[in-house]
Amino acid sequence: HTLEHVASFEPRPSWRIGGGNQGLPDAMAAALG
């Protein structure tokens, strides 16, 4: 599992959530009120 998924060495792209990943849990929590 480690070598196939976690520690791949291929130059694949990566992303972040604009403004900070905290935006997602904050938005989910706001919807839950």
ModelCIF file with pLDDT and N, C-alpha, C, O atoms, coordinates in Angstrom:
data_MODEL
#
_entry.id   MODEL 
#
_entity.id                         1 
_entity.type                       polymer 
_entity.pdbx_number_of_molecules   1 
#
_entity_poly.entity_id                      1 
_entity_poly.type                           'polypeptide(L)' 
_entity_poly.nstd_linkage                   no 
_entity_poly.nstd_monomer                   no 
_entity_poly.pdbx_seq_one_letter_code       HTLEHVASFEPRPSWRIGGGNQGLPDAMAAALG 
_entity_poly.pdbx_seq_one_letter_code_can   HTLEHVASFEPRPSWRIGGGNQGLPDAMAAALG 
_entity_poly.pdbx_strand_id                 A 
#
loop_
_entity_poly_seq.entity_id 
_entity_poly_seq.num 
_entity_poly_seq.mon_id 
_entity_poly_seq.hetero 
1 1  HIS n 
1 2  THR n 
1 3  LEU n 
1 4  GLU n 
1 5  HIS n 
1 6  VAL n 
1 7  ALA n 
1 8  SER n 
1 9  PHE n 
1 10 GLU n 
1 11 PRO n 
1 12 ARG n 
1 13 PRO n 
1 14 SER n 
1 15 TRP n 
1 16 ARG n 
1 17 ILE n 
1 18 GLY n 
1 19 GLY n 
1 20 GLY n 
1 21 ASN n 
1 22 GLN n 
1 23 GLY n 
1 24 LEU n 
1 25 PRO n 
1 26 ASP n 
1 27 ALA n 
1 28 MET n 
1 29 ALA n 
1 30 ALA n 
1 31 ALA n 
1 32 LEU n 
1 33 GLY n 
#
_struct_asym.id          A 
_struct_asym.entity_id   1 
#
loop_
_ma_qa_metric.id 
_ma_qa_metric.mode 
_ma_qa_metric.name 
_ma_qa_metric.software_group_id 
_ma_qa_metric.type 
1 global pLDDT . pLDDT 
2 local  pLDDT . pLDDT 
#
_ma_qa_metric_global.metric_id      1 
_ma_qa_metric_global.metric_value   88.18 
_ma_qa_metric_global.model_id       1 
_ma_qa_metric_global.ordinal_id     1 
#
loop_
_ma_qa_metric_local.label_asym_id 
_ma_qa_metric_local.label_comp_id 
_ma_qa_metric_local.label_seq_id 
_ma_qa_metric_local.metric_id 
_ma_qa_metric_local.metric_value 
_ma_qa_metric_local.model_id 
_ma_qa_metric_local.ordinal_id 
A HIS 1  2 78.00 1 1  
A THR 2  2 82.00 1 2  
A LEU 3  2 78.00 1 3  
A GLU 4  2 72.00 1 4  
A HIS 5  2 64.00 1 5  
A VAL 6  2 55.00 1 6  
A ALA 7  2 56.00 1 7  
A SER 8  2 66.00 1 8  
A PHE 9  2 74.00 1 9  
A GLU 10 2 76.00 1 10 
A PRO 11 2 82.00 1 11 
A ARG 12 2 86.00 1 12 
A PRO 13 2 91.00 1 13 
A SER 14 2 94.00 1 14 
A TRP 15 2 97.00 1 15 
A ARG 16 2 97.00 1 16 
A ILE 17 2 98.00 1 17 
A GLY 18 2 97.00 1 18 
A GLY 19 2 96.00 1 19 
A GLY 20 2 97.00 1 20 
A ASN 21 2 98.00 1 21 
A GLN 22 2 98.00 1 22 
A GLY 23 2 98.00 1 23 
A LEU 24 2 98.00 1 24 
A PRO 25 2 98.00 1 25 
A ASP 26 2 98.00 1 26 
A ALA 27 2 98.00 1 27 
A MET 28 2 98.00 1 28 
A ALA 29 2 98.00 1 29 
A ALA 30 2 98.00 1 30 
A ALA 31 2 98.00 1 31 
A LEU 32 2 98.00 1 32 
A GLY 33 2 98.00 1 33 
#
loop_
_atom_site.group_PDB 
_atom_site.id 
_atom_site.type_symbol 
_atom_site.label_atom_id 
_atom_site.label_alt_id 
_atom_site.label_comp_id 
_atom_site.label_asym_id 
_atom_site.label_entity_id 
_atom_site.label_seq_id 
_atom_site.pdbx_PDB_ins_code 
_atom_site.Cartn_x 
_atom_site.Cartn_y 
_atom_site.Cartn_z 
_atom_site.occupancy 
_atom_site.B_iso_or_equiv 
_atom_site.pdbx_formal_charge 
_atom_site.auth_seq_id 
_atom_site.auth_comp_id 
_atom_site.auth_asym_id 
_atom_site.auth_atom_id 
_atom_site.pdbx_PDB_model_num 
ATOM 1   N N  . HIS A 1 1  ? 0.825   -1.203 0.000   1.00 78.00 ? 1  HIS A N  1 
ATOM 2   C CA . HIS A 1 1  ? 0.000   0.000  0.000   1.00 78.00 ? 1  HIS A CA 1 
ATOM 3   C C  . HIS A 1 1  ? 0.862   1.256  0.000   1.00 78.00 ? 1  HIS A C  1 
ATOM 4   O O  . HIS A 1 1  ? 0.541   2.223  -0.691  1.00 78.00 ? 1  HIS A O  1 
ATOM 5   N N  . THR A 1 2  ? 1.936   1.255  0.754   1.00 82.00 ? 2  THR A N  1 
ATOM 6   C CA . THR A 1 2  ? 2.787   2.435  0.868   1.00 82.00 ? 2  THR A CA 1 
ATOM 7   C C  . THR A 1 2  ? 3.406   2.817  -0.458  1.00 82.00 ? 2  THR A C  1 
ATOM 8   O O  . THR A 1 2  ? 3.331   3.977  -0.862  1.00 82.00 ? 2  THR A O  1 
ATOM 9   N N  . LEU A 1 3  ? 4.012   1.874  -1.138  1.00 78.00 ? 3  LEU A N  1 
ATOM 10  C CA . LEU A 1 3  ? 4.737   2.187  -2.365  1.00 78.00 ? 3  LEU A CA 1 
ATOM 11  C C  . LEU A 1 3  ? 3.807   2.441  -3.544  1.00 78.00 ? 3  LEU A C  1 
ATOM 12  O O  . LEU A 1 3  ? 4.177   3.137  -4.489  1.00 78.00 ? 3  LEU A O  1 
ATOM 13  N N  . GLU A 1 4  ? 2.615   1.886  -3.494  1.00 72.00 ? 4  GLU A N  1 
ATOM 14  C CA . GLU A 1 4  ? 1.673   2.091  -4.595  1.00 72.00 ? 4  GLU A CA 1 
ATOM 15  C C  . GLU A 1 4  ? 0.921   3.402  -4.466  1.00 72.00 ? 4  GLU A C  1 
ATOM 16  O O  . GLU A 1 4  ? 0.657   4.069  -5.467  1.00 72.00 ? 4  GLU A O  1 
ATOM 17  N N  . HIS A 1 5  ? 0.569   3.781  -3.228  1.00 64.00 ? 5  HIS A N  1 
ATOM 18  C CA . HIS A 1 5  ? -0.311  4.932  -3.041  1.00 64.00 ? 5  HIS A CA 1 
ATOM 19  C C  . HIS A 1 5  ? 0.373   6.100  -2.334  1.00 64.00 ? 5  HIS A C  1 
ATOM 20  O O  . HIS A 1 5  ? 0.338   7.228  -2.827  1.00 64.00 ? 5  HIS A O  1 
ATOM 21  N N  . VAL A 1 6  ? 0.984   5.841  -1.201  1.00 55.00 ? 6  VAL A N  1 
ATOM 22  C CA . VAL A 1 6  ? 1.420   6.926  -0.327  1.00 55.00 ? 6  VAL A CA 1 
ATOM 23  C C  . VAL A 1 6  ? 2.695   7.586  -0.810  1.00 55.00 ? 6  VAL A C  1 
ATOM 24  O O  . VAL A 1 6  ? 2.832   8.807  -0.738  1.00 55.00 ? 6  VAL A O  1 
ATOM 25  N N  . ALA A 1 7  ? 3.621   6.792  -1.298  1.00 56.00 ? 7  ALA A N  1 
ATOM 26  C CA . ALA A 1 7  ? 4.944   7.314  -1.626  1.00 56.00 ? 7  ALA A CA 1 
ATOM 27  C C  . ALA A 1 7  ? 5.262   7.171  -3.107  1.00 56.00 ? 7  ALA A C  1 
ATOM 28  O O  . ALA A 1 7  ? 6.343   6.712  -3.476  1.00 56.00 ? 7  ALA A O  1 
ATOM 29  N N  . SER A 1 8  ? 4.322   7.562  -3.946  1.00 66.00 ? 8  SER A N  1 
ATOM 30  C CA . SER A 1 8  ? 4.575   7.555  -5.382  1.00 66.00 ? 8  SER A CA 1 
ATOM 31  C C  . SER A 1 8  ? 5.648   8.588  -5.719  1.00 66.00 ? 8  SER A C  1 
ATOM 32  O O  . SER A 1 8  ? 5.766   9.612  -5.047  1.00 66.00 ? 8  SER A O  1 
ATOM 33  N N  . PHE A 1 9  ? 6.418   8.313  -6.751  1.00 74.00 ? 9  PHE A N  1 
ATOM 34  C CA . PHE A 1 9  ? 7.506   9.209  -7.141  1.00 74.00 ? 9  PHE A CA 1 
ATOM 35  C C  . PHE A 1 9  ? 7.241   9.889  -8.479  1.00 74.00 ? 9  PHE A C  1 
ATOM 36  O O  . PHE A 1 9  ? 8.103   10.601 -8.993  1.00 74.00 ? 9  PHE A O  1 
ATOM 37  N N  . GLU A 1 10 ? 6.057   9.676  -9.047  1.00 76.00 ? 10 GLU A N  1 
ATOM 38  C CA . GLU A 1 10 ? 5.736   10.270 -10.337 1.00 76.00 ? 10 GLU A CA 1 
ATOM 39  C C  . GLU A 1 10 ? 5.381   11.759 -10.159 1.00 76.00 ? 10 GLU A C  1 
ATOM 40  O O  . GLU A 1 10 ? 4.789   12.134 -9.147  1.00 76.00 ? 10 GLU A O  1 
ATOM 41  N N  . PRO A 1 11 ? 5.735   12.597 -11.127 1.00 82.00 ? 11 PRO A N  1 
ATOM 42  C CA . PRO A 1 11 ? 5.500   14.046 -10.996 1.00 82.00 ? 11 PRO A CA 1 
ATOM 43  C C  . PRO A 1 11 ? 4.049   14.445 -11.254 1.00 82.00 ? 11 PRO A C  1 
ATOM 44  O O  . PRO A 1 11 ? 3.756   15.162 -12.211 1.00 82.00 ? 11 PRO A O  1 
ATOM 45  N N  . ARG A 1 12 ? 3.162   13.987 -10.413 1.00 86.00 ? 12 ARG A N  1 
ATOM 46  C CA . ARG A 1 12 ? 1.742   14.320 -10.557 1.00 86.00 ? 12 ARG A CA 1 
ATOM 47  C C  . ARG A 1 12 ? 1.460   15.674 -9.914  1.00 86.00 ? 12 ARG A C  1 
ATOM 48  O O  . ARG A 1 12 ? 2.196   16.102 -9.025  1.00 86.00 ? 12 ARG A O  1 
ATOM 49  N N  . PRO A 1 13 ? 0.395   16.355 -10.358 1.00 91.00 ? 13 PRO A N  1 
ATOM 50  C CA . PRO A 1 13 ? 0.063   17.656 -9.764  1.00 91.00 ? 13 PRO A CA 1 
ATOM 51  C C  . PRO A 1 13 ? -0.503  17.519 -8.358  1.00 91.00 ? 13 PRO A C  1 
ATOM 52  O O  . PRO A 1 13 ? -0.926  16.438 -7.950  1.00 91.00 ? 13 PRO A O  1 
ATOM 53  N N  . SER A 1 14 ? -0.508  18.610 -7.632  1.00 94.00 ? 14 SER A N  1 
ATOM 54  C CA . SER A 1 14 ? -1.094  18.659 -6.300  1.00 94.00 ? 14 SER A CA 1 
ATOM 55  C C  . SER A 1 14 ? -1.731  20.033 -6.109  1.00 94.00 ? 14 SER A C  1 
ATOM 56  O O  . SER A 1 14 ? -1.332  21.014 -6.737  1.00 94.00 ? 14 SER A O  1 
ATOM 57  N N  . TRP A 1 15 ? -2.734  20.080 -5.226  1.00 97.00 ? 15 TRP A N  1 
ATOM 58  C CA . TRP A 1 15 ? -3.513  21.296 -5.034  1.00 97.00 ? 15 TRP A CA 1 
ATOM 59  C C  . TRP A 1 15 ? -3.663  21.597 -3.549  1.00 97.00 ? 15 TRP A C  1 
ATOM 60  O O  . TRP A 1 15 ? -3.391  20.760 -2.689  1.00 97.00 ? 15 TRP A O  1 
ATOM 61  N N  . ARG A 1 16 ? -4.110  22.832 -3.277  1.00 97.00 ? 16 ARG A N  1 
ATOM 62  C CA . ARG A 1 16 ? -4.561  23.243 -1.945  1.00 97.00 ? 16 ARG A CA 1 
ATOM 63  C C  . ARG A 1 16 ? -5.882  23.996 -2.109  1.00 97.00 ? 16 ARG A C  1 
ATOM 64  O O  . ARG A 1 16 ? -6.204  24.472 -3.198  1.00 97.00 ? 16 ARG A O  1 
ATOM 65  N N  . ILE A 1 17 ? -6.632  24.095 -1.033  1.00 98.00 ? 17 ILE A N  1 
ATOM 66  C CA . ILE A 1 17 ? -7.862  24.878 -1.077  1.00 98.00 ? 17 ILE A CA 1 
ATOM 67  C C  . ILE A 1 17 ? -7.497  26.348 -0.956  1.00 98.00 ? 17 ILE A C  1 
ATOM 68  O O  . ILE A 1 17 ? -6.816  26.753 -0.014  1.00 98.00 ? 17 ILE A O  1 
ATOM 69  N N  . GLY A 1 18 ? -7.954  27.144 -1.919  1.00 97.00 ? 18 GLY A N  1 
ATOM 70  C CA . GLY A 1 18 ? -7.616  28.558 -1.924  1.00 97.00 ? 18 GLY A CA 1 
ATOM 71  C C  . GLY A 1 18 ? -8.016  29.264 -0.646  1.00 97.00 ? 18 GLY A C  1 
ATOM 72  O O  . GLY A 1 18 ? -9.144  29.131 -0.173  1.00 97.00 ? 18 GLY A O  1 
ATOM 73  N N  . GLY A 1 19 ? -7.074  30.022 -0.089  1.00 96.00 ? 19 GLY A N  1 
ATOM 74  C CA . GLY A 1 19 ? -7.328  30.725 1.159   1.00 96.00 ? 19 GLY A CA 1 
ATOM 75  C C  . GLY A 1 19 ? -7.104  29.897 2.396   1.00 96.00 ? 19 GLY A C  1 
ATOM 76  O O  . GLY A 1 19 ? -7.164  30.419 3.509   1.00 96.00 ? 19 GLY A O  1 
ATOM 77  N N  . GLY A 1 20 ? -6.845  28.603 2.226   1.00 97.00 ? 20 GLY A N  1 
ATOM 78  C CA . GLY A 1 20 ? -6.593  27.728 3.374   1.00 97.00 ? 20 GLY A CA 1 
ATOM 79  C C  . GLY A 1 20 ? -7.549  26.559 3.427   1.00 97.00 ? 20 GLY A C  1 
ATOM 80  O O  . GLY A 1 20 ? -8.752  26.719 3.219   1.00 97.00 ? 20 GLY A O  1 
ATOM 81  N N  . ASN A 1 21 ? -7.012  25.376 3.708   1.00 98.00 ? 21 ASN A N  1 
ATOM 82  C CA . ASN A 1 21 ? -7.848  24.177 3.801   1.00 98.00 ? 21 ASN A CA 1 
ATOM 83  C C  . ASN A 1 21 ? -8.897  24.273 4.910   1.00 98.00 ? 21 ASN A C  1 
ATOM 84  O O  . ASN A 1 21 ? -9.898  23.558 4.892   1.00 98.00 ? 21 ASN A O  1 
ATOM 85  N N  . GLN A 1 22 ? -8.655  25.168 5.879   1.00 98.00 ? 22 GLN A N  1 
ATOM 86  C CA . GLN A 1 22 ? -9.617  25.370 6.965   1.00 98.00 ? 22 GLN A CA 1 
ATOM 87  C C  . GLN A 1 22 ? -10.982 25.796 6.435   1.00 98.00 ? 22 GLN A C  1 
ATOM 88  O O  . GLN A 1 22 ? -12.002 25.628 7.105   1.00 98.00 ? 22 GLN A O  1 
ATOM 89  N N  . GLY A 1 23 ? -10.988 26.348 5.227   1.00 98.00 ? 23 GLY A N  1 
ATOM 90  C CA . GLY A 1 23 ? -12.248 26.783 4.639   1.00 98.00 ? 23 GLY A CA 1 
ATOM 91  C C  . GLY A 1 23 ? -13.265 25.668 4.516   1.00 98.00 ? 23 GLY A C  1 
ATOM 92  O O  . GLY A 1 23 ? -14.466 25.914 4.628   1.00 98.00 ? 23 GLY A O  1 
ATOM 93  N N  . LEU A 1 24 ? -12.804 24.438 4.286   1.00 98.00 ? 24 LEU A N  1 
ATOM 94  C CA . LEU A 1 24 ? -13.747 23.331 4.136   1.00 98.00 ? 24 LEU A CA 1 
ATOM 95  C C  . LEU A 1 24 ? -14.409 22.949 5.454   1.00 98.00 ? 24 LEU A C  1 
ATOM 96  O O  . LEU A 1 24 ? -15.638 22.945 5.517   1.00 98.00 ? 24 LEU A O  1 
ATOM 97  N N  . PRO A 1 25 ? -13.663 22.625 6.515   1.00 98.00 ? 25 PRO A N  1 
ATOM 98  C CA . PRO A 1 25 ? -14.362 22.308 7.767   1.00 98.00 ? 25 PRO A CA 1 
ATOM 99  C C  . PRO A 1 25 ? -15.186 23.474 8.294   1.00 98.00 ? 25 PRO A C  1 
ATOM 100 O O  . PRO A 1 25 ? -16.246 23.260 8.882   1.00 98.00 ? 25 PRO A O  1 
ATOM 101 N N  . ASP A 1 26 ? -14.720 24.707 8.093   1.00 98.00 ? 26 ASP A N  1 
ATOM 102 C CA . ASP A 1 26 ? -15.499 25.859 8.540   1.00 98.00 ? 26 ASP A CA 1 
ATOM 103 C C  . ASP A 1 26 ? -16.842 25.921 7.813   1.00 98.00 ? 26 ASP A C  1 
ATOM 104 O O  . ASP A 1 26 ? -17.877 26.185 8.425   1.00 98.00 ? 26 ASP A O  1 
ATOM 105 N N  . ALA A 1 27 ? -16.814 25.677 6.505   1.00 98.00 ? 27 ALA A N  1 
ATOM 106 C CA . ALA A 1 27 ? -18.046 25.719 5.724   1.00 98.00 ? 27 ALA A CA 1 
ATOM 107 C C  . ALA A 1 27 ? -18.989 24.583 6.114   1.00 98.00 ? 27 ALA A C  1 
ATOM 108 O O  . ALA A 1 27 ? -20.200 24.782 6.213   1.00 98.00 ? 27 ALA A O  1 
ATOM 109 N N  . MET A 1 28 ? -18.432 23.396 6.334   1.00 98.00 ? 28 MET A N  1 
ATOM 110 C CA . MET A 1 28 ? -19.256 22.260 6.734   1.00 98.00 ? 28 MET A CA 1 
ATOM 111 C C  . MET A 1 28 ? -19.889 22.506 8.101   1.00 98.00 ? 28 MET A C  1 
ATOM 112 O O  . MET A 1 28 ? -21.055 22.178 8.320   1.00 98.00 ? 28 MET A O  1 
ATOM 113 N N  . ALA A 1 29 ? -19.116 23.084 9.015   1.00 98.00 ? 29 ALA A N  1 
ATOM 114 C CA . ALA A 1 29 ? -19.639 23.372 10.349  1.00 98.00 ? 29 ALA A CA 1 
ATOM 115 C C  . ALA A 1 29 ? -20.706 24.460 10.295  1.00 98.00 ? 29 ALA A C  1 
ATOM 116 O O  . ALA A 1 29 ? -21.698 24.396 11.021  1.00 98.00 ? 29 ALA A O  1 
ATOM 117 N N  . ALA A 1 30 ? -20.505 25.460 9.434   1.00 98.00 ? 30 ALA A N  1 
ATOM 118 C CA . ALA A 1 30 ? -21.498 26.528 9.307   1.00 98.00 ? 30 ALA A CA 1 
ATOM 119 C C  . ALA A 1 30 ? -22.834 25.956 8.841   1.00 98.00 ? 30 ALA A C  1 
ATOM 120 O O  . ALA A 1 30 ? -23.892 26.391 9.295   1.00 98.00 ? 30 ALA A O  1 
ATOM 121 N N  . ALA A 1 31 ? -22.784 24.985 7.937   1.00 98.00 ? 31 ALA A N  1 
ATOM 122 C CA . ALA A 1 31 ? -24.011 24.360 7.449   1.00 98.00 ? 31 ALA A CA 1 
ATOM 123 C C  . ALA A 1 31 ? -24.704 23.557 8.554   1.00 98.00 ? 31 ALA A C  1 
ATOM 124 O O  . ALA A 1 31 ? -25.927 23.419 8.551   1.00 98.00 ? 31 ALA A O  1 
ATOM 125 N N  . LEU A 1 32 ? -23.927 23.036 9.489   1.00 98.00 ? 32 LEU A N  1 
ATOM 126 C CA . LEU A 1 32 ? -24.499 22.269 10.601  1.00 98.00 ? 32 LEU A CA 1 
ATOM 127 C C  . LEU A 1 32 ? -25.030 23.172 11.705  1.00 98.00 ? 32 LEU A C  1 
ATOM 128 O O  . LEU A 1 32 ? -25.880 22.760 12.494  1.00 98.00 ? 32 LEU A O  1 
ATOM 129 N N  . GLY A 1 33 ? -24.533 24.392 11.761  1.00 98.00 ? 33 GLY A N  1 
ATOM 130 C CA . GLY A 1 33 ? -25.037 25.373 12.715  1.00 98.00 ? 33 GLY A CA 1 
ATOM 131 C C  . GLY A 1 33 ? -24.853 24.980 14.162  1.00 98.00 ? 33 GLY A C  1 
ATOM 132 O O  . GLY A 1 33 ? -25.240 25.730 15.059  1.00 98.00 ? 33 GLY A O  1 
#
